[in-house]
N, C-alpha and C. Protein backbone atom coordinates (compact mmCIF):
# COMPACT_ATOMS: atom_id res chain seq x y z
N MET A 1 -50.62 -64.59 156.39
CA MET A 1 -50.26 -63.47 157.26
C MET A 1 -50.90 -62.18 156.75
N ARG A 2 -51.31 -61.33 157.68
CA ARG A 2 -52.05 -60.14 157.28
C ARG A 2 -51.22 -59.18 156.45
N ILE A 3 -49.92 -59.06 156.77
CA ILE A 3 -49.09 -58.11 156.02
C ILE A 3 -48.99 -58.51 154.56
N VAL A 4 -48.91 -59.82 154.30
CA VAL A 4 -48.82 -60.27 152.92
C VAL A 4 -50.13 -60.01 152.20
N SER A 5 -51.26 -60.30 152.86
CA SER A 5 -52.56 -60.04 152.26
C SER A 5 -52.74 -58.56 151.95
N LEU A 6 -52.33 -57.72 152.90
CA LEU A 6 -52.45 -56.28 152.71
C LEU A 6 -51.58 -55.82 151.56
N LEU A 7 -50.36 -56.34 151.49
CA LEU A 7 -49.45 -55.97 150.43
C LEU A 7 -50.00 -56.35 149.07
N VAL A 8 -50.53 -57.56 148.97
CA VAL A 8 -51.12 -58.00 147.71
C VAL A 8 -52.29 -57.11 147.33
N THR A 9 -53.14 -56.78 148.31
CA THR A 9 -54.30 -55.91 148.05
C THR A 9 -53.86 -54.56 147.53
N LEU A 10 -52.84 -53.97 148.18
CA LEU A 10 -52.35 -52.67 147.75
C LEU A 10 -51.74 -52.73 146.35
N LEU A 11 -50.98 -53.77 146.09
CA LEU A 11 -50.39 -53.92 144.76
C LEU A 11 -51.46 -54.04 143.70
N LEU A 12 -52.46 -54.86 143.95
CA LEU A 12 -53.52 -55.05 142.97
C LEU A 12 -54.34 -53.78 142.80
N ALA A 13 -54.52 -53.03 143.89
CA ALA A 13 -55.27 -51.77 143.80
C ALA A 13 -54.53 -50.78 142.91
N ASN A 14 -53.20 -50.73 143.05
CA ASN A 14 -52.41 -49.83 142.21
C ASN A 14 -52.45 -50.25 140.75
N VAL A 15 -52.39 -51.54 140.49
CA VAL A 15 -52.45 -52.02 139.11
C VAL A 15 -53.81 -51.70 138.52
N ALA A 16 -54.87 -51.95 139.30
CA ALA A 16 -56.21 -51.68 138.80
C ALA A 16 -56.40 -50.19 138.54
N HIS A 17 -55.81 -49.34 139.40
CA HIS A 17 -55.92 -47.90 139.22
C HIS A 17 -55.20 -47.46 137.93
N ALA A 18 -54.07 -48.10 137.68
CA ALA A 18 -53.30 -47.74 136.49
C ALA A 18 -53.94 -48.30 135.23
N ASN A 19 -54.65 -49.40 135.35
CA ASN A 19 -55.23 -50.05 134.19
C ASN A 19 -56.62 -50.58 134.55
N PRO A 20 -57.63 -49.68 134.70
CA PRO A 20 -58.94 -50.08 135.19
C PRO A 20 -59.58 -51.17 134.34
N ALA A 21 -59.28 -51.23 133.06
CA ALA A 21 -59.91 -52.21 132.20
C ALA A 21 -59.15 -53.53 132.17
N GLY A 22 -58.00 -53.60 132.90
CA GLY A 22 -57.16 -54.80 132.87
C GLY A 22 -57.85 -55.99 133.49
N SER A 23 -57.59 -57.14 132.96
CA SER A 23 -58.16 -58.37 133.49
C SER A 23 -57.26 -58.92 134.58
N GLY A 24 -57.74 -59.99 135.27
CA GLY A 24 -56.92 -60.66 136.28
C GLY A 24 -55.64 -61.20 135.67
N ASP A 25 -55.72 -61.67 134.42
CA ASP A 25 -54.52 -62.17 133.75
C ASP A 25 -53.49 -61.06 133.57
N ASP A 26 -53.97 -59.86 133.20
CA ASP A 26 -53.06 -58.72 133.04
C ASP A 26 -52.35 -58.39 134.34
N MET A 27 -53.09 -58.44 135.44
CA MET A 27 -52.49 -58.13 136.74
C MET A 27 -51.44 -59.16 137.11
N ASN A 28 -51.78 -60.42 136.94
CA ASN A 28 -50.81 -61.47 137.26
C ASN A 28 -49.56 -61.36 136.38
N ARG A 29 -49.76 -61.03 135.10
CA ARG A 29 -48.63 -60.87 134.18
C ARG A 29 -47.78 -59.68 134.62
N PHE A 30 -48.44 -58.58 134.99
CA PHE A 30 -47.75 -57.38 135.46
C PHE A 30 -46.86 -57.71 136.66
N LEU A 31 -47.42 -58.41 137.65
CA LEU A 31 -46.66 -58.76 138.85
C LEU A 31 -45.55 -59.76 138.54
N ALA A 32 -45.86 -60.73 137.70
CA ALA A 32 -44.88 -61.76 137.37
C ALA A 32 -43.70 -61.17 136.59
N GLU A 33 -43.98 -60.24 135.65
CA GLU A 33 -42.92 -59.64 134.84
C GLU A 33 -41.91 -58.91 135.71
N ARG A 34 -42.35 -58.35 136.80
CA ARG A 34 -41.46 -57.59 137.68
C ARG A 34 -40.92 -58.45 138.82
N GLY A 35 -41.27 -59.73 138.80
CA GLY A 35 -40.78 -60.63 139.85
C GLY A 35 -41.41 -60.37 141.20
N LEU A 36 -42.52 -59.64 141.21
CA LEU A 36 -43.11 -59.25 142.49
C LEU A 36 -43.84 -60.41 143.17
N LEU A 37 -44.43 -61.30 142.40
CA LEU A 37 -45.10 -62.44 143.03
C LEU A 37 -44.10 -63.27 143.82
N ALA A 38 -42.93 -63.50 143.25
CA ALA A 38 -41.90 -64.27 143.94
C ALA A 38 -41.42 -63.53 145.19
N ARG A 39 -41.30 -62.21 145.07
CA ARG A 39 -40.80 -61.43 146.22
C ARG A 39 -41.82 -61.40 147.35
N ILE A 40 -43.10 -61.31 147.00
CA ILE A 40 -44.14 -61.37 148.03
C ILE A 40 -44.06 -62.71 148.74
N GLY A 41 -43.85 -63.77 147.97
CA GLY A 41 -43.69 -65.10 148.56
C GLY A 41 -42.50 -65.17 149.48
N GLU A 42 -41.39 -64.52 149.09
CA GLU A 42 -40.19 -64.52 149.93
C GLU A 42 -40.46 -63.81 151.26
N VAL A 43 -41.16 -62.67 151.21
CA VAL A 43 -41.49 -61.94 152.43
C VAL A 43 -42.34 -62.81 153.34
N ARG A 44 -43.35 -63.47 152.76
CA ARG A 44 -44.21 -64.35 153.55
C ARG A 44 -43.38 -65.45 154.20
N ASP A 45 -42.48 -66.03 153.45
CA ASP A 45 -41.64 -67.10 153.98
C ASP A 45 -40.76 -66.61 155.12
N GLN A 46 -40.22 -65.38 154.99
CA GLN A 46 -39.37 -64.82 156.04
C GLN A 46 -40.17 -64.61 157.32
N VAL A 47 -41.40 -64.10 157.18
CA VAL A 47 -42.25 -63.86 158.35
C VAL A 47 -42.55 -65.19 159.04
N GLU A 48 -42.94 -66.18 158.25
CA GLU A 48 -43.28 -67.49 158.82
C GLU A 48 -42.05 -68.14 159.45
N ALA A 49 -40.90 -67.97 158.83
CA ALA A 49 -39.67 -68.56 159.37
C ALA A 49 -39.33 -67.96 160.73
N LYS A 50 -39.51 -66.63 160.88
CA LYS A 50 -39.20 -65.98 162.14
C LYS A 50 -40.12 -66.48 163.25
N ALA A 51 -41.41 -66.61 162.94
CA ALA A 51 -42.36 -67.12 163.93
C ALA A 51 -42.02 -68.55 164.30
N SER A 52 -41.67 -69.35 163.29
CA SER A 52 -41.31 -70.75 163.54
C SER A 52 -40.07 -70.84 164.41
N GLU A 53 -39.08 -69.97 164.13
CA GLU A 53 -37.85 -69.97 164.91
C GLU A 53 -38.13 -69.67 166.37
N LEU A 54 -39.01 -68.70 166.61
CA LEU A 54 -39.33 -68.31 167.98
C LEU A 54 -40.02 -69.47 168.71
N VAL A 55 -40.99 -70.09 168.04
CA VAL A 55 -41.71 -71.20 168.65
C VAL A 55 -40.78 -72.38 168.90
N LEU A 56 -39.94 -72.72 167.91
CA LEU A 56 -39.01 -73.83 168.08
C LEU A 56 -38.04 -73.57 169.23
N HIS A 57 -37.57 -72.33 169.32
CA HIS A 57 -36.65 -71.97 170.40
C HIS A 57 -37.33 -72.15 171.76
N SER A 58 -38.59 -71.75 171.84
CA SER A 58 -39.30 -71.88 173.11
C SER A 58 -39.45 -73.34 173.51
N MET A 59 -39.62 -74.22 172.53
CA MET A 59 -39.78 -75.66 172.80
C MET A 59 -38.52 -76.27 173.41
N ALA A 60 -37.38 -75.65 173.17
CA ALA A 60 -36.13 -76.17 173.72
C ALA A 60 -36.12 -76.09 175.25
N PHE A 61 -37.05 -75.31 175.82
CA PHE A 61 -37.07 -75.12 177.27
C PHE A 61 -38.16 -75.93 177.96
N LEU A 62 -38.83 -76.82 177.22
CA LEU A 62 -39.82 -77.71 177.84
C LEU A 62 -39.16 -78.46 178.99
N GLY A 63 -39.84 -78.49 180.12
CA GLY A 63 -39.31 -79.21 181.28
C GLY A 63 -38.50 -78.37 182.24
N VAL A 64 -38.16 -77.13 181.86
CA VAL A 64 -37.44 -76.25 182.79
C VAL A 64 -38.40 -75.89 183.92
N PRO A 65 -37.96 -76.00 185.17
CA PRO A 65 -38.88 -75.76 186.28
C PRO A 65 -39.28 -74.30 186.45
N TYR A 66 -40.48 -74.12 187.01
CA TYR A 66 -40.95 -72.78 187.36
C TYR A 66 -40.13 -72.27 188.55
N ARG A 67 -39.79 -71.00 188.48
CA ARG A 67 -39.18 -70.34 189.64
C ARG A 67 -39.65 -68.91 189.68
N ARG A 68 -40.26 -68.53 190.79
CA ARG A 68 -40.75 -67.15 190.93
C ARG A 68 -39.59 -66.18 190.75
N GLY A 69 -39.74 -65.23 189.82
CA GLY A 69 -38.70 -64.27 189.55
C GLY A 69 -37.61 -64.79 188.63
N GLY A 70 -37.75 -66.05 188.18
CA GLY A 70 -36.72 -66.67 187.37
C GLY A 70 -36.70 -66.16 185.93
N THR A 71 -35.49 -66.00 185.40
CA THR A 71 -35.35 -65.44 184.05
C THR A 71 -34.42 -66.26 183.16
N ASN A 72 -33.98 -67.44 183.62
CA ASN A 72 -33.09 -68.23 182.76
C ASN A 72 -33.28 -69.72 183.02
N ALA A 73 -32.80 -70.52 182.07
CA ALA A 73 -33.01 -71.96 182.13
C ALA A 73 -32.23 -72.63 183.26
N GLU A 74 -31.12 -72.03 183.68
CA GLU A 74 -30.30 -72.63 184.73
C GLU A 74 -31.03 -72.63 186.08
N THR A 75 -31.72 -71.54 186.37
CA THR A 75 -32.41 -71.43 187.66
C THR A 75 -33.90 -71.65 187.55
N GLY A 76 -34.45 -71.54 186.36
CA GLY A 76 -35.89 -71.68 186.15
C GLY A 76 -36.53 -70.36 185.74
N PHE A 77 -37.77 -70.44 185.27
CA PHE A 77 -38.49 -69.26 184.78
C PHE A 77 -39.81 -69.08 185.52
N ASP A 78 -40.22 -67.84 185.68
CA ASP A 78 -41.64 -67.59 185.91
C ASP A 78 -42.24 -67.27 184.54
N CYS A 79 -43.54 -67.01 184.47
CA CYS A 79 -44.19 -66.89 183.16
C CYS A 79 -43.62 -65.74 182.32
N SER A 80 -43.52 -64.56 182.91
CA SER A 80 -43.05 -63.41 182.14
C SER A 80 -41.55 -63.47 181.89
N GLY A 81 -40.80 -64.09 182.81
CA GLY A 81 -39.37 -64.28 182.61
C GLY A 81 -39.11 -65.19 181.42
N PHE A 82 -39.94 -66.21 181.27
CA PHE A 82 -39.82 -67.13 180.14
C PHE A 82 -40.07 -66.40 178.82
N VAL A 83 -41.17 -65.66 178.76
CA VAL A 83 -41.52 -64.91 177.54
C VAL A 83 -40.42 -63.91 177.20
N ARG A 84 -39.96 -63.20 178.20
CA ARG A 84 -38.91 -62.19 177.98
C ARG A 84 -37.63 -62.83 177.44
N ALA A 85 -37.23 -63.97 178.02
CA ALA A 85 -36.01 -64.64 177.59
C ALA A 85 -36.13 -65.14 176.15
N ILE A 86 -37.28 -65.69 175.79
CA ILE A 86 -37.46 -66.22 174.43
C ILE A 86 -37.38 -65.09 173.41
N TYR A 87 -38.05 -63.98 173.66
CA TYR A 87 -38.02 -62.87 172.70
C TYR A 87 -36.65 -62.23 172.61
N GLU A 88 -35.96 -62.13 173.74
CA GLU A 88 -34.63 -61.52 173.69
C GLU A 88 -33.64 -62.42 172.96
N GLN A 89 -33.67 -63.72 173.23
CA GLN A 89 -32.73 -64.64 172.63
C GLN A 89 -33.02 -64.91 171.15
N THR A 90 -34.28 -64.92 170.78
CA THR A 90 -34.65 -65.28 169.41
C THR A 90 -34.79 -64.07 168.49
N ALA A 91 -35.45 -63.02 168.98
CA ALA A 91 -35.75 -61.87 168.13
C ALA A 91 -34.92 -60.64 168.48
N GLY A 92 -34.15 -60.71 169.56
CA GLY A 92 -33.36 -59.54 169.97
C GLY A 92 -34.21 -58.41 170.51
N LEU A 93 -35.42 -58.72 170.96
CA LEU A 93 -36.33 -57.71 171.50
C LEU A 93 -36.41 -57.87 173.01
N VAL A 94 -36.25 -56.77 173.73
CA VAL A 94 -36.29 -56.82 175.19
C VAL A 94 -37.66 -56.34 175.65
N LEU A 95 -38.43 -57.25 176.22
CA LEU A 95 -39.76 -56.92 176.73
C LEU A 95 -39.66 -56.51 178.19
N PRO A 96 -40.67 -55.79 178.69
CA PRO A 96 -40.69 -55.48 180.13
C PRO A 96 -40.68 -56.76 180.95
N ARG A 97 -40.42 -56.65 182.24
CA ARG A 97 -40.23 -57.83 183.08
C ARG A 97 -41.53 -58.49 183.52
N LYS A 98 -42.57 -57.73 183.81
CA LYS A 98 -43.80 -58.29 184.37
C LYS A 98 -44.86 -58.50 183.28
N ALA A 99 -45.74 -59.48 183.52
CA ALA A 99 -46.77 -59.83 182.54
C ALA A 99 -47.66 -58.64 182.19
N GLU A 100 -48.11 -57.91 183.20
CA GLU A 100 -49.01 -56.77 182.92
C GLU A 100 -48.27 -55.68 182.14
N GLN A 101 -46.97 -55.52 182.38
CA GLN A 101 -46.18 -54.56 181.62
C GLN A 101 -46.00 -55.02 180.18
N GLN A 102 -45.83 -56.32 179.99
CA GLN A 102 -45.72 -56.86 178.64
C GLN A 102 -47.02 -56.64 177.87
N ALA A 103 -48.16 -56.79 178.55
CA ALA A 103 -49.45 -56.54 177.89
C ALA A 103 -49.57 -55.08 177.48
N ALA A 104 -49.13 -54.18 178.36
CA ALA A 104 -49.23 -52.75 178.07
C ALA A 104 -48.30 -52.31 176.95
N ALA A 105 -47.18 -53.03 176.78
CA ALA A 105 -46.16 -52.62 175.80
C ALA A 105 -46.34 -53.28 174.44
N THR A 106 -47.40 -54.07 174.27
CA THR A 106 -47.59 -54.80 173.02
C THR A 106 -48.93 -54.46 172.38
N GLN A 107 -49.07 -54.84 171.13
CA GLN A 107 -50.25 -54.45 170.33
C GLN A 107 -51.40 -55.43 170.55
N LYS A 108 -52.55 -54.90 170.93
CA LYS A 108 -53.74 -55.73 171.15
C LYS A 108 -54.22 -56.30 169.82
N ILE A 109 -54.52 -57.60 169.82
CA ILE A 109 -55.07 -58.24 168.63
C ILE A 109 -56.27 -59.09 169.04
N ASP A 110 -57.10 -59.41 168.07
CA ASP A 110 -58.24 -60.27 168.33
C ASP A 110 -57.77 -61.72 168.44
N ARG A 111 -58.45 -62.48 169.24
CA ARG A 111 -58.08 -63.89 169.42
C ARG A 111 -58.09 -64.62 168.07
N THR A 112 -58.99 -64.24 167.19
CA THR A 112 -59.08 -64.90 165.88
C THR A 112 -57.88 -64.58 165.00
N ASP A 113 -57.10 -63.56 165.35
CA ASP A 113 -55.93 -63.16 164.56
C ASP A 113 -54.62 -63.76 165.10
N LEU A 114 -54.70 -64.59 166.12
CA LEU A 114 -53.50 -65.15 166.73
C LEU A 114 -52.63 -65.89 165.71
N GLN A 115 -51.33 -65.60 165.78
CA GLN A 115 -50.33 -66.29 164.96
C GLN A 115 -49.26 -66.84 165.91
N PRO A 116 -48.57 -67.91 165.50
CA PRO A 116 -47.49 -68.42 166.35
C PRO A 116 -46.51 -67.30 166.71
N GLY A 117 -46.14 -67.25 167.97
CA GLY A 117 -45.24 -66.20 168.46
C GLY A 117 -45.96 -65.06 169.17
N ASP A 118 -47.27 -64.94 168.99
CA ASP A 118 -48.03 -63.91 169.69
C ASP A 118 -48.12 -64.27 171.17
N LEU A 119 -48.45 -63.28 171.99
CA LEU A 119 -48.58 -63.50 173.43
C LEU A 119 -50.05 -63.69 173.81
N VAL A 120 -50.28 -64.59 174.75
CA VAL A 120 -51.64 -64.80 175.28
C VAL A 120 -51.60 -64.56 176.78
N PHE A 121 -52.61 -63.85 177.27
CA PHE A 121 -52.64 -63.44 178.67
C PHE A 121 -53.86 -64.03 179.37
N PHE A 122 -53.68 -64.26 180.67
CA PHE A 122 -54.73 -64.87 181.47
C PHE A 122 -54.80 -64.17 182.83
N ASN A 123 -56.00 -64.19 183.40
CA ASN A 123 -56.22 -63.65 184.74
C ASN A 123 -56.24 -64.82 185.70
N THR A 124 -55.09 -65.08 186.31
CA THR A 124 -54.97 -66.23 187.22
C THR A 124 -54.86 -65.82 188.68
N MET A 125 -54.78 -64.51 188.94
CA MET A 125 -54.60 -64.04 190.33
C MET A 125 -55.61 -62.96 190.67
N ARG A 126 -56.77 -63.05 190.03
CA ARG A 126 -57.84 -62.06 190.24
C ARG A 126 -57.41 -60.65 189.88
N ARG A 127 -56.51 -60.58 188.89
CA ARG A 127 -56.15 -59.28 188.32
C ARG A 127 -55.76 -59.49 186.86
N ALA A 128 -56.03 -58.47 186.08
CA ALA A 128 -55.81 -58.57 184.63
C ALA A 128 -54.34 -58.83 184.31
N PHE A 129 -54.12 -59.64 183.28
CA PHE A 129 -52.80 -59.90 182.73
C PHE A 129 -51.80 -60.38 183.79
N SER A 130 -52.25 -61.30 184.64
CA SER A 130 -51.35 -61.82 185.68
C SER A 130 -50.58 -63.06 185.24
N HIS A 131 -50.88 -63.57 184.04
CA HIS A 131 -50.13 -64.72 183.51
C HIS A 131 -49.99 -64.56 182.00
N VAL A 132 -48.84 -65.00 181.46
CA VAL A 132 -48.58 -64.84 180.02
C VAL A 132 -47.90 -66.09 179.47
N GLY A 133 -48.19 -66.38 178.21
CA GLY A 133 -47.54 -67.47 177.50
C GLY A 133 -47.37 -67.09 176.04
N ILE A 134 -46.76 -67.96 175.27
CA ILE A 134 -46.51 -67.73 173.84
C ILE A 134 -47.38 -68.68 173.03
N TYR A 135 -48.16 -68.13 172.13
CA TYR A 135 -49.03 -68.94 171.28
C TYR A 135 -48.17 -69.73 170.30
N VAL A 136 -48.45 -71.05 170.18
CA VAL A 136 -47.66 -71.89 169.28
C VAL A 136 -48.47 -72.39 168.09
N GLY A 137 -49.75 -72.05 168.05
CA GLY A 137 -50.61 -72.50 166.95
C GLY A 137 -51.55 -73.61 167.40
N ASP A 138 -52.58 -73.84 166.59
CA ASP A 138 -53.54 -74.92 166.84
C ASP A 138 -54.21 -74.80 168.21
N GLY A 139 -54.43 -73.56 168.66
CA GLY A 139 -55.12 -73.34 169.93
C GLY A 139 -54.29 -73.68 171.16
N LYS A 140 -52.97 -73.77 170.99
CA LYS A 140 -52.10 -74.14 172.12
C LYS A 140 -51.08 -73.04 172.42
N PHE A 141 -50.58 -73.05 173.65
CA PHE A 141 -49.56 -72.08 174.04
C PHE A 141 -48.53 -72.75 174.94
N ILE A 142 -47.34 -72.17 174.95
CA ILE A 142 -46.26 -72.67 175.81
C ILE A 142 -46.02 -71.64 176.91
N HIS A 143 -45.80 -72.13 178.13
CA HIS A 143 -45.66 -71.20 179.27
C HIS A 143 -45.01 -71.91 180.44
N SER A 144 -44.63 -71.09 181.42
CA SER A 144 -44.13 -71.60 182.70
C SER A 144 -45.24 -71.35 183.71
N PRO A 145 -46.00 -72.40 184.07
CA PRO A 145 -47.28 -72.18 184.72
C PRO A 145 -47.31 -71.76 186.19
N ARG A 146 -46.60 -72.48 187.06
CA ARG A 146 -46.76 -72.20 188.50
C ARG A 146 -45.68 -72.95 189.29
N PRO A 147 -45.50 -72.59 190.57
CA PRO A 147 -44.54 -73.32 191.40
C PRO A 147 -44.83 -74.81 191.40
N GLY A 148 -43.79 -75.61 191.28
CA GLY A 148 -43.93 -77.05 191.27
C GLY A 148 -44.17 -77.63 189.89
N ALA A 149 -44.34 -76.75 188.88
CA ALA A 149 -44.58 -77.21 187.51
C ALA A 149 -43.39 -76.84 186.64
N GLU A 150 -43.45 -77.24 185.37
CA GLU A 150 -42.37 -76.99 184.43
C GLU A 150 -42.92 -76.33 183.17
N VAL A 151 -42.04 -75.74 182.37
CA VAL A 151 -42.45 -75.17 181.09
C VAL A 151 -43.13 -76.27 180.28
N ARG A 152 -44.31 -75.97 179.75
CA ARG A 152 -45.08 -76.98 179.02
C ARG A 152 -46.03 -76.33 178.02
N VAL A 153 -46.55 -77.15 177.14
CA VAL A 153 -47.54 -76.70 176.15
C VAL A 153 -48.92 -77.16 176.63
N GLU A 154 -49.89 -76.24 176.57
CA GLU A 154 -51.25 -76.57 176.96
C GLU A 154 -52.23 -76.00 175.95
N SER A 155 -53.43 -76.55 175.97
CA SER A 155 -54.49 -76.06 175.10
C SER A 155 -55.21 -74.89 175.77
N MET A 156 -55.47 -73.85 174.99
CA MET A 156 -56.24 -72.73 175.50
C MET A 156 -57.71 -73.11 175.67
N GLY A 157 -58.09 -74.27 175.11
CA GLY A 157 -59.47 -74.73 175.21
C GLY A 157 -59.79 -75.43 176.52
N ILE A 158 -58.76 -75.78 177.31
CA ILE A 158 -58.99 -76.38 178.62
C ILE A 158 -59.82 -75.40 179.44
N ALA A 159 -60.78 -75.91 180.18
CA ALA A 159 -61.73 -75.05 180.91
C ALA A 159 -61.02 -74.00 181.77
N TYR A 160 -59.97 -74.40 182.48
CA TYR A 160 -59.26 -73.47 183.36
C TYR A 160 -58.76 -72.26 182.59
N TRP A 161 -58.09 -72.50 181.45
CA TRP A 161 -57.51 -71.40 180.67
C TRP A 161 -58.58 -70.65 179.89
N ALA A 162 -59.55 -71.35 179.36
CA ALA A 162 -60.61 -70.70 178.58
C ALA A 162 -61.36 -69.68 179.45
N LYS A 163 -61.61 -70.03 180.71
CA LYS A 163 -62.34 -69.15 181.62
C LYS A 163 -61.51 -67.92 182.02
N ARG A 164 -60.21 -68.07 182.00
CA ARG A 164 -59.33 -67.00 182.47
C ARG A 164 -58.64 -66.22 181.35
N PHE A 165 -58.94 -66.56 180.10
CA PHE A 165 -58.29 -65.86 178.98
C PHE A 165 -58.55 -64.36 179.09
N ASP A 166 -57.48 -63.58 178.94
CA ASP A 166 -57.55 -62.14 179.19
C ASP A 166 -57.17 -61.30 177.97
N GLY A 167 -56.83 -61.93 176.86
CA GLY A 167 -56.51 -61.18 175.67
C GLY A 167 -55.23 -61.65 175.00
N ALA A 168 -55.07 -61.20 173.76
CA ALA A 168 -53.90 -61.56 172.95
C ALA A 168 -53.18 -60.29 172.54
N ARG A 169 -51.88 -60.40 172.40
CA ARG A 169 -51.05 -59.25 172.03
C ARG A 169 -50.00 -59.68 171.00
N ARG A 170 -49.56 -58.72 170.20
CA ARG A 170 -48.49 -58.96 169.24
C ARG A 170 -47.33 -58.03 169.60
N VAL A 171 -46.14 -58.59 169.65
CA VAL A 171 -44.95 -57.82 170.01
C VAL A 171 -44.52 -56.97 168.83
N ALA A 172 -44.19 -55.70 169.09
CA ALA A 172 -43.73 -54.79 168.05
C ALA A 172 -42.22 -54.80 167.97
N THR A 173 -41.70 -54.59 166.76
CA THR A 173 -40.26 -54.50 166.57
C THR A 173 -39.79 -53.12 167.00
N SER A 174 -38.48 -52.90 166.97
CA SER A 174 -37.91 -51.64 167.44
C SER A 174 -38.36 -50.45 166.60
N ASN A 175 -38.78 -50.70 165.34
CA ASN A 175 -39.22 -49.56 164.52
C ASN A 175 -40.72 -49.33 164.63
N GLY A 176 -41.37 -50.06 165.57
CA GLY A 176 -42.77 -49.81 165.83
C GLY A 176 -43.73 -50.63 165.01
N THR A 177 -43.25 -51.46 164.09
CA THR A 177 -44.17 -52.28 163.32
C THR A 177 -44.40 -53.59 164.06
N ALA A 178 -45.50 -54.24 163.76
CA ALA A 178 -45.84 -55.48 164.45
C ALA A 178 -44.80 -56.55 164.18
N ALA A 179 -44.55 -57.38 165.18
CA ALA A 179 -43.56 -58.44 165.03
C ALA A 179 -43.97 -59.44 163.95
N GLU A 180 -45.24 -59.42 163.59
CA GLU A 180 -45.70 -60.28 162.50
C GLU A 180 -44.97 -59.93 161.21
N THR A 181 -44.42 -58.70 161.14
CA THR A 181 -43.82 -58.23 159.89
C THR A 181 -42.34 -57.89 160.07
N PRO A 182 -41.51 -58.83 160.57
CA PRO A 182 -40.11 -58.49 160.78
C PRO A 182 -39.40 -58.12 159.50
N ALA A 183 -39.91 -58.56 158.34
CA ALA A 183 -39.24 -58.26 157.08
C ALA A 183 -39.73 -56.95 156.47
N ALA A 184 -40.67 -56.27 157.12
CA ALA A 184 -41.27 -55.08 156.52
C ALA A 184 -40.25 -54.00 156.23
N ALA A 185 -39.26 -53.86 157.12
CA ALA A 185 -38.28 -52.80 156.93
C ALA A 185 -37.31 -53.10 155.79
N THR A 186 -37.28 -54.36 155.35
CA THR A 186 -36.34 -54.73 154.30
C THR A 186 -37.05 -55.16 153.02
N LEU A 187 -38.29 -54.75 152.86
CA LEU A 187 -38.98 -55.05 151.62
C LEU A 187 -38.23 -54.42 150.45
N PRO A 188 -38.17 -55.09 149.31
CA PRO A 188 -37.52 -54.51 148.15
C PRO A 188 -38.15 -53.16 147.81
N ALA A 189 -37.33 -52.22 147.33
CA ALA A 189 -37.80 -50.86 147.04
C ALA A 189 -38.94 -50.87 146.04
N ASP A 190 -38.87 -51.78 145.02
CA ASP A 190 -39.94 -51.78 144.02
C ASP A 190 -41.25 -52.26 144.62
N VAL A 191 -41.17 -53.16 145.60
CA VAL A 191 -42.39 -53.61 146.27
C VAL A 191 -42.94 -52.49 147.13
N GLN A 192 -42.05 -51.80 147.86
CA GLN A 192 -42.51 -50.69 148.70
C GLN A 192 -43.15 -49.59 147.85
N ALA A 193 -42.55 -49.30 146.70
CA ALA A 193 -43.08 -48.24 145.83
C ALA A 193 -44.46 -48.60 145.33
N LEU A 194 -44.64 -49.85 144.92
CA LEU A 194 -45.94 -50.25 144.40
C LEU A 194 -46.98 -50.37 145.51
N ALA A 195 -46.54 -50.63 146.74
CA ALA A 195 -47.47 -50.76 147.85
C ALA A 195 -47.98 -49.40 148.32
N ALA A 196 -47.30 -48.31 147.93
CA ALA A 196 -47.73 -46.98 148.32
C ALA A 196 -49.06 -46.65 147.62
N PRO A 197 -49.96 -45.94 148.31
CA PRO A 197 -51.24 -45.61 147.70
C PRO A 197 -51.04 -44.80 146.43
N ALA A 198 -51.88 -45.03 145.46
CA ALA A 198 -51.79 -44.28 144.20
C ALA A 198 -52.18 -42.83 144.46
N PRO A 199 -51.52 -41.86 143.81
CA PRO A 199 -51.86 -40.46 144.03
C PRO A 199 -53.27 -40.17 143.51
N LEU A 200 -53.94 -39.25 144.18
CA LEU A 200 -55.27 -38.84 143.75
C LEU A 200 -55.15 -38.00 142.48
N ARG A 201 -56.12 -38.13 141.60
CA ARG A 201 -56.10 -37.35 140.35
C ARG A 201 -57.30 -36.46 140.26
């Protein structure tokens, strides 16, 4: 995950700034003595667990029929209603109702940066962001596709979807940070302090 990589980079930069002649062993010892390596691992695990929870929750709705304007499993979902319900039920985040509004309210990311739980958008009605699904990993996404169909997992590599891919987005938490980092607000104080840029001298 990018937040973990960034955190490690910042921590190592601070250690190197404090001890320019220190070796890699010194840095690892410094982090290990303060228990920071374990804590970085815990943060990574929390982030991955949240994404996994969201994806697993979405899988519980496989087979629910498509319904235009639908927002729940009892009556069926349309594409944006499905995404909205999953994020509200799993992460407690309320997204806008329409696919194009969800695209506008979320953080643009490169396709190569896709992580499970991110949103993928497609142009299926000759207009941008007219269809949305949730990326589940391995080039696949889960969505409620169209009338007469059911919630299902499909490959983004299928010609139909590959031709209509319209971009990827990451949902932000209520404090404005990317949903990739749900644990960011609860990082241990010593980790946050070390992650802060070193003062200029």
